[in-house]
């Protein structure tokens, strides 16, 4: 299965809606046979065991290295932009829509 890291806003706007957006996207990707990684699920861990922002970024970067590509959902996000930059530096393809991923991996 192709592993897709989902990058999107977390703290700008409603965090609950932002987490749900990644979960919905992951479900959509699963419908097409992909293995999505939903980093915003750490929201729930952070509620119980808060950690510094850099800890979460470091964890995200480790997961990005394990993925085949990164999907950047629209919306302002410094963290998601850093994840895109990290992926590109590590030669991991970045896509900006599920449709682009489907096209890329169907050929």
Protein backbone atom coordinates (compact mmCIF):
# COMPACT_ATOMS: atom_id res chain seq x y z
CA UNK A 1 0.00 0.00 0.00
CA UNK A 2 1.16 3.52 -0.73
CA UNK A 3 1.68 5.45 2.49
CA UNK A 4 0.37 9.04 2.41
CA UNK A 5 1.25 11.59 5.08
CA UNK A 6 -1.53 14.18 5.44
CA UNK A 7 -0.35 17.74 6.21
CA UNK A 8 -2.79 20.49 7.08
CA UNK A 9 -3.65 23.24 9.54
CA UNK A 10 -4.07 22.38 13.18
CA UNK A 11 -4.03 25.46 15.38
CA UNK A 12 -5.45 28.02 12.95
CA UNK A 13 -9.23 27.83 13.22
CA UNK A 14 -11.17 25.18 15.11
CA UNK A 15 -8.76 22.39 16.10
CA UNK A 16 -11.59 19.83 16.31
CA UNK A 17 -12.70 20.64 12.76
CA UNK A 18 -9.09 20.49 11.58
CA UNK A 19 -8.61 17.03 13.09
CA UNK A 20 -11.89 15.83 11.58
CA UNK A 21 -10.81 17.15 8.17
CA UNK A 22 -7.68 14.96 8.25
CA UNK A 23 -9.70 11.95 9.42
CA UNK A 24 -12.21 12.46 6.60
CA UNK A 25 -9.37 12.76 4.08
CA UNK A 26 -7.78 9.58 5.44
CA UNK A 27 -11.05 7.71 5.03
CA UNK A 28 -11.31 8.92 1.44
CA UNK A 29 -7.73 7.78 0.72
CA UNK A 30 -8.48 4.38 2.27
CA UNK A 31 -11.41 4.00 -0.14
CA UNK A 32 -8.83 4.08 -2.95
CA UNK A 33 -6.46 1.58 -1.31
CA UNK A 34 -3.93 4.01 0.20
CA UNK A 35 -2.50 3.80 3.72
CA UNK A 36 -2.90 7.31 5.14
CA UNK A 37 -1.05 8.65 8.15
CA UNK A 38 -3.10 11.14 10.19
CA UNK A 39 -0.66 13.19 12.29
CA UNK A 40 -3.40 15.30 13.85
CA UNK A 41 -4.57 12.26 15.79
CA UNK A 42 -1.79 13.23 18.20
CA UNK A 43 -4.22 15.99 19.21
CA UNK A 44 -5.76 13.47 21.60
CA UNK A 45 -2.39 12.48 23.08
CA UNK A 46 -1.54 16.17 23.51
CA UNK A 47 -4.75 16.71 25.49
CA UNK A 48 -3.64 14.08 28.01
CA UNK A 49 0.14 14.56 27.82
CA UNK A 50 1.00 18.03 26.45
CA UNK A 51 4.40 18.33 24.82
CA UNK A 52 6.35 21.20 23.29
CA UNK A 53 5.56 22.09 19.67
CA UNK A 54 9.03 21.00 18.51
CA UNK A 55 8.45 17.48 19.88
CA UNK A 56 5.42 17.10 17.63
CA UNK A 57 7.30 18.48 14.60
CA UNK A 58 10.20 16.09 15.20
CA UNK A 59 7.76 13.18 15.41
CA UNK A 60 6.03 14.34 12.21
CA UNK A 61 9.34 14.55 10.33
CA UNK A 62 10.16 10.96 11.32
CA UNK A 63 6.80 9.78 9.96
CA UNK A 64 7.21 11.76 6.75
CA UNK A 65 10.47 9.88 6.08
CA UNK A 66 8.47 6.64 6.27
CA UNK A 67 5.80 7.73 3.79
CA UNK A 68 5.77 7.45 0.01
CA UNK A 69 4.28 10.91 -0.45
CA UNK A 70 2.77 13.86 1.35
CA UNK A 71 -0.68 15.34 0.75
CA UNK A 72 -0.87 19.04 1.64
CA UNK A 73 -4.44 20.11 2.27
CA UNK A 74 -5.29 23.75 1.56
CA UNK A 75 -5.15 26.33 4.32
CA UNK A 76 -2.66 28.44 6.19
CA UNK A 77 -0.30 26.45 8.40
CA UNK A 78 3.30 27.12 9.35
CA UNK A 79 3.70 23.51 10.53
CA UNK A 80 2.26 21.99 7.35
CA UNK A 81 4.49 24.28 5.28
CA UNK A 82 7.52 23.02 7.23
CA UNK A 83 6.39 19.44 6.58
CA UNK A 84 6.17 20.16 2.84
CA UNK A 85 9.65 21.69 2.90
CA UNK A 86 11.00 18.66 4.77
CA UNK A 87 9.38 16.23 2.32
CA UNK A 88 10.78 18.05 -0.70
CA UNK A 89 14.29 18.14 0.83
CA UNK A 90 14.02 14.38 1.30
CA UNK A 91 12.78 13.71 -2.26
CA UNK A 92 9.32 12.74 -1.10
CA UNK A 93 6.65 13.78 -3.62
CA UNK A 94 4.16 16.41 -2.46
CA UNK A 95 0.61 16.54 -3.79
CA UNK A 96 -2.08 19.15 -3.26
CA UNK A 97 -5.19 17.07 -3.95
CA UNK A 98 -6.36 13.47 -3.69
CA UNK A 99 -7.06 13.62 -7.41
CA UNK A 100 -3.38 14.37 -8.11
CA UNK A 101 -2.34 11.36 -6.02
CA UNK A 102 -4.81 9.13 -7.87
CA UNK A 103 -3.50 10.29 -11.23
CA UNK A 104 0.13 9.90 -10.22
CA UNK A 105 -0.21 6.40 -8.81
CA UNK A 106 -2.60 5.07 -11.46
CA UNK A 107 -0.03 5.43 -14.24
